[in-house]
Amino acid sequence: MKLELKRIGNSTGLILPKELLARLGLEQGDAVFVTETAEGLVIGKRDDTFEKGMAIAREAMKTYSQALKEPAK
């Protein structure tokens, strides 16, 4: 599907057709993540539970950074 970036006020936006929004399970006002991969961009719905888990994991990695640097014995 080819989409075009459009000027929206002083910004640039990407207009997603309603059929694509339905397939992605998105609706107007939803927060999304855009991830860059080797194949291109991936757009997905924001997952607050995943984000909370990642915040916990980042804190644990910071707390135990020295132990994580040591090779396993």
PDB file of N, CA and C in Angstrom:
ATOM      1  N   MET A   1       0.851  -1.172   0.000  1.00  0.00           N
ATOM      2  CA  MET A   1       0.000   0.000   0.000  1.00  0.00           C
ATOM      3  C   MET A   1       0.895   1.233   0.000  1.00  0.00           C
ATOM      4  N   LYS A   2       0.696   2.096  -0.944  1.00  0.00           N
ATOM      5  CA  LYS A   2       1.488   3.315  -1.050  1.00  0.00           C
ATOM      6  C   LYS A   2       0.728   4.457  -0.378  1.00  0.00           C
ATOM      7  N   LEU A   3       1.397   5.118   0.582  1.00  0.00           N
ATOM      8  CA  LEU A   3       0.811   6.257   1.273  1.00  0.00           C
ATOM      9  C   LEU A   3       1.697   7.472   1.042  1.00  0.00           C
ATOM     10  N   GLU A   4       1.121   8.635   1.182  1.00  0.00           N
ATOM     11  CA  GLU A   4       1.858   9.873   0.931  1.00  0.00           C
ATOM     12  C   GLU A   4       1.863  10.738   2.178  1.00  0.00           C
ATOM     13  N   LEU A   5       3.039  11.310   2.482  1.00  0.00           N
ATOM     14  CA  LEU A   5       3.136  12.259   3.586  1.00  0.00           C
ATOM     15  C   LEU A   5       2.462  13.558   3.171  1.00  0.00           C
ATOM     16  N   LYS A   6       1.679  14.133   4.076  1.00  0.00           N
ATOM     17  CA  LYS A   6       0.924  15.362   3.780  1.00  0.00           C
ATOM     18  C   LYS A   6       1.287  16.449   4.783  1.00  0.00           C
ATOM     19  N   ARG A   7       1.234  17.675   4.341  1.00  0.00           N
ATOM     20  CA  ARG A   7       1.443  18.808   5.228  1.00  0.00           C
ATOM     21  C   ARG A   7       0.160  19.006   6.046  1.00  0.00           C
ATOM     22  N   ILE A   8       0.345  19.086   7.376  1.00  0.00           N
ATOM     23  CA  ILE A   8      -0.773  19.320   8.282  1.00  0.00           C
ATOM     24  C   ILE A   8      -0.363  20.475   9.180  1.00  0.00           C
ATOM     25  N   GLY A   9      -0.824  21.678   8.854  1.00  0.00           N
ATOM     26  CA  GLY A   9      -0.375  22.864   9.589  1.00  0.00           C
ATOM     27  C   GLY A   9       1.113  23.058   9.374  1.00  0.00           C
ATOM     28  N   ASN A  10       1.873  23.168  10.464  1.00  0.00           N
ATOM     29  CA  ASN A  10       3.326  23.312  10.379  1.00  0.00           C
ATOM     30  C   ASN A  10       4.038  21.961  10.477  1.00  0.00           C
ATOM     31  N   SER A  11       3.290  20.879  10.444  1.00  0.00           N
ATOM     32  CA  SER A  11       3.857  19.540  10.585  1.00  0.00           C
ATOM     33  C   SER A  11       3.642  18.738   9.321  1.00  0.00           C
ATOM     34  N   THR A  12       4.138  17.522   9.340  1.00  0.00           N
ATOM     35  CA  THR A  12       3.919  16.579   8.250  1.00  0.00           C
ATOM     36  C   THR A  12       3.284  15.341   8.843  1.00  0.00           C
ATOM     37  N   GLY A  13       2.256  14.828   8.200  1.00  0.00           N
ATOM     38  CA  GLY A  13       1.544  13.673   8.722  1.00  0.00           C
ATOM     39  C   GLY A  13       1.354  12.606   7.672  1.00  0.00           C
ATOM     40  N   LEU A  14       1.017  11.439   8.152  1.00  0.00           N
ATOM     41  CA  LEU A  14       0.720  10.310   7.284  1.00  0.00           C
ATOM     42  C   LEU A  14      -0.739   9.945   7.515  1.00  0.00           C
ATOM     43  N   ILE A  15      -1.539  10.034   6.488  1.00  0.00           N
ATOM     44  CA  ILE A  15      -2.961   9.732   6.583  1.00  0.00           C
ATOM     45  C   ILE A  15      -3.133   8.240   6.313  1.00  0.00           C
ATOM     46  N   LEU A  16      -3.698   7.524   7.298  1.00  0.00           N
ATOM     47  CA  LEU A  16      -3.924   6.089   7.146  1.00  0.00           C
ATOM     48  C   LEU A  16      -5.383   5.837   6.769  1.00  0.00           C
ATOM     49  N   PRO A  17      -5.623   5.091   5.711  1.00  0.00           N
ATOM     50  CA  PRO A  17      -7.000   4.793   5.312  1.00  0.00           C
ATOM     51  C   PRO A  17      -7.714   3.971   6.382  1.00  0.00           C
ATOM     52  N   LYS A  18      -9.043   4.112   6.450  1.00  0.00           N
ATOM     53  CA  LYS A  18      -9.796   3.441   7.508  1.00  0.00           C
ATOM     54  C   LYS A  18      -9.663   1.929   7.428  1.00  0.00           C
ATOM     55  N   GLU A  19      -9.479   1.367   6.230  1.00  0.00           N
ATOM     56  CA  GLU A  19      -9.306  -0.077   6.099  1.00  0.00           C
ATOM     57  C   GLU A  19      -8.015  -0.529   6.798  1.00  0.00           C
ATOM     58  N   LEU A  20      -6.944   0.250   6.664  1.00  0.00           N
ATOM     59  CA  LEU A  20      -5.678  -0.078   7.313  1.00  0.00           C
ATOM     60  C   LEU A  20      -5.799   0.083   8.826  1.00  0.00           C
ATOM     61  N   LEU A  21      -6.462   1.149   9.265  1.00  0.00           N
ATOM     62  CA  LEU A  21      -6.680   1.346  10.701  1.00  0.00           C
ATOM     63  C   LEU A  21      -7.424   0.156  11.304  1.00  0.00           C
ATOM     64  N   ALA A  22      -8.427  -0.332  10.595  1.00  0.00           N
ATOM     65  CA  ALA A  22      -9.200  -1.473  11.085  1.00  0.00           C
ATOM     66  C   ALA A  22      -8.321  -2.719  11.182  1.00  0.00           C
ATOM     67  N   ARG A  23      -7.483  -2.958  10.169  1.00  0.00           N
ATOM     68  CA  ARG A  23      -6.602  -4.134  10.198  1.00  0.00           C
ATOM     69  C   ARG A  23      -5.589  -4.044  11.329  1.00  0.00           C
ATOM     70  N   LEU A  24      -5.126  -2.833  11.641  1.00  0.00           N
ATOM     71  CA  LEU A  24      -4.148  -2.634  12.717  1.00  0.00           C
ATOM     72  C   LEU A  24      -4.800  -2.553  14.097  1.00  0.00           C
ATOM     73  N   GLY A  25      -6.125  -2.488  14.126  1.00  0.00           N
ATOM     74  CA  GLY A  25      -6.831  -2.356  15.398  1.00  0.00           C
ATOM     75  C   GLY A  25      -6.641  -0.981  16.007  1.00  0.00           C
ATOM     76  N   LEU A  26      -6.520   0.023  15.165  1.00  0.00           N
ATOM     77  CA  LEU A  26      -6.285   1.393  15.621  1.00  0.00           C
ATOM     78  C   LEU A  26      -7.487   2.271  15.326  1.00  0.00           C
ATOM     79  N   GLU A  27      -7.600   3.326  16.125  1.00  0.00           N
ATOM     80  CA  GLU A  27      -8.604   4.344  15.831  1.00  0.00           C
ATOM     81  C   GLU A  27      -8.018   5.709  16.166  1.00  0.00           C
ATOM     82  N   GLN A  28      -8.680   6.730  15.690  1.00  0.00           N
ATOM     83  CA  GLN A  28      -8.191   8.088  15.882  1.00  0.00           C
ATOM     84  C   GLN A  28      -7.936   8.358  17.365  1.00  0.00           C
ATOM     85  N   GLY A  29      -6.769   8.927  17.661  1.00  0.00           N
ATOM     86  CA  GLY A  29      -6.405   9.256  19.030  1.00  0.00           C
ATOM     87  C   GLY A  29      -5.533   8.213  19.704  1.00  0.00           C
ATOM     88  N   ASP A  30      -5.418   7.004  19.122  1.00  0.00           N
ATOM     89  CA  ASP A  30      -4.559   5.964  19.695  1.00  0.00           C
ATOM     90  C   ASP A  30      -3.094   6.376  19.589  1.00  0.00           C
ATOM     91  N   ALA A  31      -2.305   5.978  20.580  1.00  0.00           N
ATOM     92  CA  ALA A  31      -0.857   6.160  20.519  1.00  0.00           C
ATOM     93  C   ALA A  31      -0.270   4.949  19.806  1.00  0.00           C
ATOM     94  N   VAL A  32       0.699   5.176  18.944  1.00  0.00           N
ATOM     95  CA  VAL A  32       1.341   4.090  18.207  1.00  0.00           C
ATOM     96  C   VAL A  32       2.854   4.184  18.355  1.00  0.00           C
ATOM     97  N   PHE A  33       3.505   3.068  18.107  1.00  0.00           N
ATOM     98  CA  PHE A  33       4.959   3.012  18.040  1.00  0.00           C
ATOM     99  C   PHE A  33       5.353   2.810  16.595  1.00  0.00           C
ATOM    100  N   VAL A  34       6.410   3.485  16.193  1.00  0.00           N
ATOM    101  CA  VAL A  34       7.002   3.253  14.879  1.00  0.00           C
ATOM    102  C   VAL A  34       8.397   2.716  15.135  1.00  0.00           C
ATOM    103  N   THR A  35       8.660   1.526  14.625  1.00  0.00           N
ATOM    104  CA  THR A  35       9.946   0.872  14.826  1.00  0.00           C
ATOM    105  C   THR A  35      10.629   0.718  13.478  1.00  0.00           C
ATOM    106  N   GLU A  36      11.908   1.099  13.433  1.00  0.00           N
ATOM    107  CA  GLU A  36      12.675   0.947  12.206  1.00  0.00           C
ATOM    108  C   GLU A  36      13.354  -0.421  12.212  1.00  0.00           C
ATOM    109  N   THR A  37      13.150  -1.176  11.146  1.00  0.00           N
ATOM    110  CA  THR A  37      13.777  -2.486  11.005  1.00  0.00           C
ATOM    111  C   THR A  37      14.595  -2.488   9.717  1.00  0.00           C
ATOM    112  N   ALA A  38      15.318  -3.562   9.491  1.00  0.00           N
ATOM    113  CA  ALA A  38      16.093  -3.684   8.260  1.00  0.00           C
ATOM    114  C   ALA A  38      15.184  -3.677   7.028  1.00  0.00           C
ATOM    115  N   GLU A  39      13.949  -4.152   7.194  1.00  0.00           N
ATOM    116  CA  GLU A  39      13.002  -4.212   6.076  1.00  0.00           C
ATOM    117  C   GLU A  39      12.229  -2.919   5.873  1.00  0.00           C
ATOM    118  N   GLY A  40      12.255  -2.011   6.850  1.00  0.00           N
ATOM    119  CA  GLY A  40      11.509  -0.756   6.748  1.00  0.00           C
ATOM    120  C   GLY A  40      10.908  -0.388   8.088  1.00  0.00           C
ATOM    121  N   LEU A  41       9.785   0.306   8.065  1.00  0.00           N
ATOM    122  CA  LEU A  41       9.127   0.757   9.284  1.00  0.00           C
ATOM    123  C   LEU A  41       7.998  -0.190   9.673  1.00  0.00           C
ATOM    124  N   VAL A  42       7.819  -0.364  10.972  1.00  0.00           N
ATOM    125  CA  VAL A  42       6.712  -1.160  11.497  1.00  0.00           C
ATOM    126  C   VAL A  42       5.889  -0.243  12.390  1.00  0.00           C
ATOM    127  N   ILE A  43       4.586  -0.183  12.150  1.00  0.00           N
ATOM    128  CA  ILE A  43       3.685   0.638  12.952  1.00  0.00           C
ATOM    129  C   ILE A  43       2.809  -0.298  13.762  1.00  0.00           C
ATOM    130  N   GLY A  44       2.743  -0.060  15.060  1.00  0.00           N
ATOM    131  CA  GLY A  44       1.920  -0.904  15.915  1.00  0.00           C
ATOM    132  C   GLY A  44       1.300  -0.103  17.041  1.00  0.00           C
ATOM    133  N   LYS A  45       0.272  -0.666  17.612  1.00  0.00           N
ATOM    134  CA  LYS A  45      -0.442  -0.024  18.709  1.00  0.00           C
ATOM    135  C   LYS A  45       0.432  -0.014  19.956  1.00  0.00           C
ATOM    136  N   ARG A  46       0.396   1.059  20.688  1.00  0.00           N
ATOM    137  CA  ARG A  46       1.167   1.179  21.911  1.00  0.00           C
ATOM    138  C   ARG A  46       0.592   0.233  22.960  1.00  0.00           C
ATOM    139  N   ASP A  47       1.481  -0.466  23.643  1.00  0.00           N
ATOM    140  CA  ASP A  47       1.093  -1.430  24.667  1.00  0.00           C
ATOM    141  C   ASP A  47       1.633  -0.948  26.009  1.00  0.00           C
ATOM    142  N   ASP A  48       0.783  -0.376  26.856  1.00  0.00           N
ATOM    143  CA  ASP A  48       1.220   0.174  28.138  1.00  0.00           C
ATOM    144  C   ASP A  48       1.802  -0.891  29.056  1.00  0.00           C
ATOM    145  N   THR A  49       1.262  -2.107  29.016  1.00  0.00           N
ATOM    146  CA  THR A  49       1.783  -3.187  29.853  1.00  0.00           C
ATOM    147  C   THR A  49       3.220  -3.515  29.448  1.00  0.00           C
ATOM    148  N   PHE A  50       3.469  -3.586  28.152  1.00  0.00           N
ATOM    149  CA  PHE A  50       4.826  -3.843  27.657  1.00  0.00           C
ATOM    150  C   PHE A  50       5.760  -2.724  28.087  1.00  0.00           C
ATOM    151  N   GLU A  51       5.305  -1.479  27.983  1.00  0.00           N
ATOM    152  CA  GLU A  51       6.141  -0.339  28.360  1.00  0.00           C
ATOM    153  C   GLU A  51       6.506  -0.385  29.843  1.00  0.00           C
ATOM    154  N   LYS A  52       5.558  -0.753  30.691  1.00  0.00           N
ATOM    155  CA  LYS A  52       5.852  -0.865  32.126  1.00  0.00           C
ATOM    156  C   LYS A  52       6.884  -1.954  32.371  1.00  0.00           C
ATOM    157  N   GLY A  53       6.741  -3.076  31.685  1.00  0.00           N
ATOM    158  CA  GLY A  53       7.707  -4.162  31.802  1.00  0.00           C
ATOM    159  C   GLY A  53       9.091  -3.749  31.348  1.00  0.00           C
ATOM    160  N   MET A  54       9.157  -2.996  30.265  1.00  0.00           N
ATOM    161  CA  MET A  54      10.456  -2.520  29.766  1.00  0.00           C
ATOM    162  C   MET A  54      11.093  -1.547  30.749  1.00  0.00           C
ATOM    163  N   ALA A  55      10.308  -0.714  31.385  1.00  0.00           N
ATOM    164  CA  ALA A  55      10.844   0.225  32.387  1.00  0.00           C
ATOM    165  C   ALA A  55      11.449  -0.549  33.558  1.00  0.00           C
ATOM    166  N   ILE A  56      10.783  -1.607  33.987  1.00  0.00           N
ATOM    167  CA  ILE A  56      11.306  -2.447  35.069  1.00  0.00           C
ATOM    168  C   ILE A  56      12.607  -3.116  34.622  1.00  0.00           C
ATOM    169  N   ALA A  57      12.629  -3.637  33.403  1.00  0.00           N
ATOM    170  CA  ALA A  57      13.823  -4.309  32.883  1.00  0.00           C
ATOM    171  C   ALA A  57      14.989  -3.335  32.775  1.00  0.00           C
ATOM    172  N   ARG A  58      14.745  -2.117  32.305  1.00  0.00           N
ATOM    173  CA  ARG A  58      15.819  -1.111  32.206  1.00  0.00           C
ATOM    174  C   ARG A  58      16.395  -0.782  33.575  1.00  0.00           C
ATOM    175  N   GLU A  59      15.535  -0.641  34.569  1.00  0.00           N
ATOM    176  CA  GLU A  59      15.986  -0.340  35.922  1.00  0.00           C
ATOM    177  C   GLU A  59      16.819  -1.502  36.472  1.00  0.00           C
ATOM    178  N   ALA A  60      16.384  -2.724  36.233  1.00  0.00           N
ATOM    179  CA  ALA A  60      17.138  -3.896  36.692  1.00  0.00           C
ATOM    180  C   ALA A  60      18.499  -3.967  36.007  1.00  0.00           C
ATOM    181  N   MET A  61      18.540  -3.672  34.720  1.00  0.00           N
ATOM    182  CA  MET A  61      19.816  -3.702  33.999  1.00  0.00           C
ATOM    183  C   MET A  61      20.773  -2.629  34.520  1.00  0.00           C
ATOM    184  N   LYS A  62      20.214  -1.470  34.884  1.00  0.00           N
ATOM    185  CA  LYS A  62      21.053  -0.415  35.440  1.00  0.00           C
ATOM    186  C   LYS A  62      21.573  -0.828  36.816  1.00  0.00           C
ATOM    187  N   THR A  63      20.708  -1.391  37.641  1.00  0.00           N
ATOM    188  CA  THR A  63      21.077  -1.800  38.993  1.00  0.00           C
ATOM    189  C   THR A  63      22.135  -2.902  38.962  1.00  0.00           C
ATOM    190  N   TYR A  64      21.989  -3.859  38.077  1.00  0.00           N
ATOM    191  CA  TYR A  64      22.888  -5.015  38.024  1.00  0.00           C
ATOM    192  C   TYR A  64      23.846  -4.954  36.838  1.00  0.00           C
ATOM    193  N   SER A  65      24.168  -3.748  36.369  1.00  0.00           N
ATOM    194  CA  SER A  65      25.009  -3.611  35.162  1.00  0.00           C
ATOM    195  C   SER A  65      26.360  -4.301  35.318  1.00  0.00           C
ATOM    196  N   GLN A  66      26.980  -4.204  36.499  1.00  0.00           N
ATOM    197  CA  GLN A  66      28.285  -4.822  36.687  1.00  0.00           C
ATOM    198  C   GLN A  66      28.170  -6.346  36.598  1.00  0.00           C
ATOM    199  N   ALA A  67      27.170  -6.919  37.231  1.00  0.00           N
ATOM    200  CA  ALA A  67      26.985  -8.369  37.170  1.00  0.00           C
ATOM    201  C   ALA A  67      26.687  -8.833  35.743  1.00  0.00           C
ATOM    202  N   LEU A  68      25.966  -8.016  34.975  1.00  0.00           N
ATOM    203  CA  LEU A  68      25.629  -8.382  33.603  1.00  0.00           C
ATOM    204  C   LEU A  68      26.844  -8.323  32.691  1.00  0.00           C
ATOM    205  N   LYS A  69      27.871  -7.546  33.068  1.00  0.00           N
ATOM    206  CA  LYS A  69      29.082  -7.430  32.256  1.00  0.00           C
ATOM    207  C   LYS A  69      30.019  -8.617  32.458  1.00  0.00           C
ATOM    208  N   GLU A  70      29.930  -9.285  33.619  1.00  0.00           N
ATOM    209  CA  GLU A  70      30.826 -10.404  33.920  1.00  0.00           C
ATOM    210  C   GLU A  70      30.396 -11.645  33.158  1.00  0.00           C
ATOM    211  N   PRO A  71      31.354 -12.402  32.632  1.00  0.00           N
ATOM    212  CA  PRO A  71      30.989 -13.631  31.909  1.00  0.00           C
ATOM    213  C   PRO A  71      30.405 -14.668  32.866  1.00  0.00           C
ATOM    214  N   ALA A  72      29.524 -15.477  32.363  1.00  0.00           N
ATOM    215  CA  ALA A  72      28.923 -16.551  33.158  1.00  0.00           C
ATOM    216  C   ALA A  72      29.986 -17.602  33.468  1.00  0.00           C
ATOM    217  N   LYS A  73      29.913 -18.174  34.645  1.00  0.00           N
ATOM    218  CA  LYS A  73      30.894 -19.201  35.035  1.00  0.00           C
ATOM    219  C   LYS A  73      30.236 -20.535  35.229  1.00  0.00           C
TER     220      LYS A  73
END
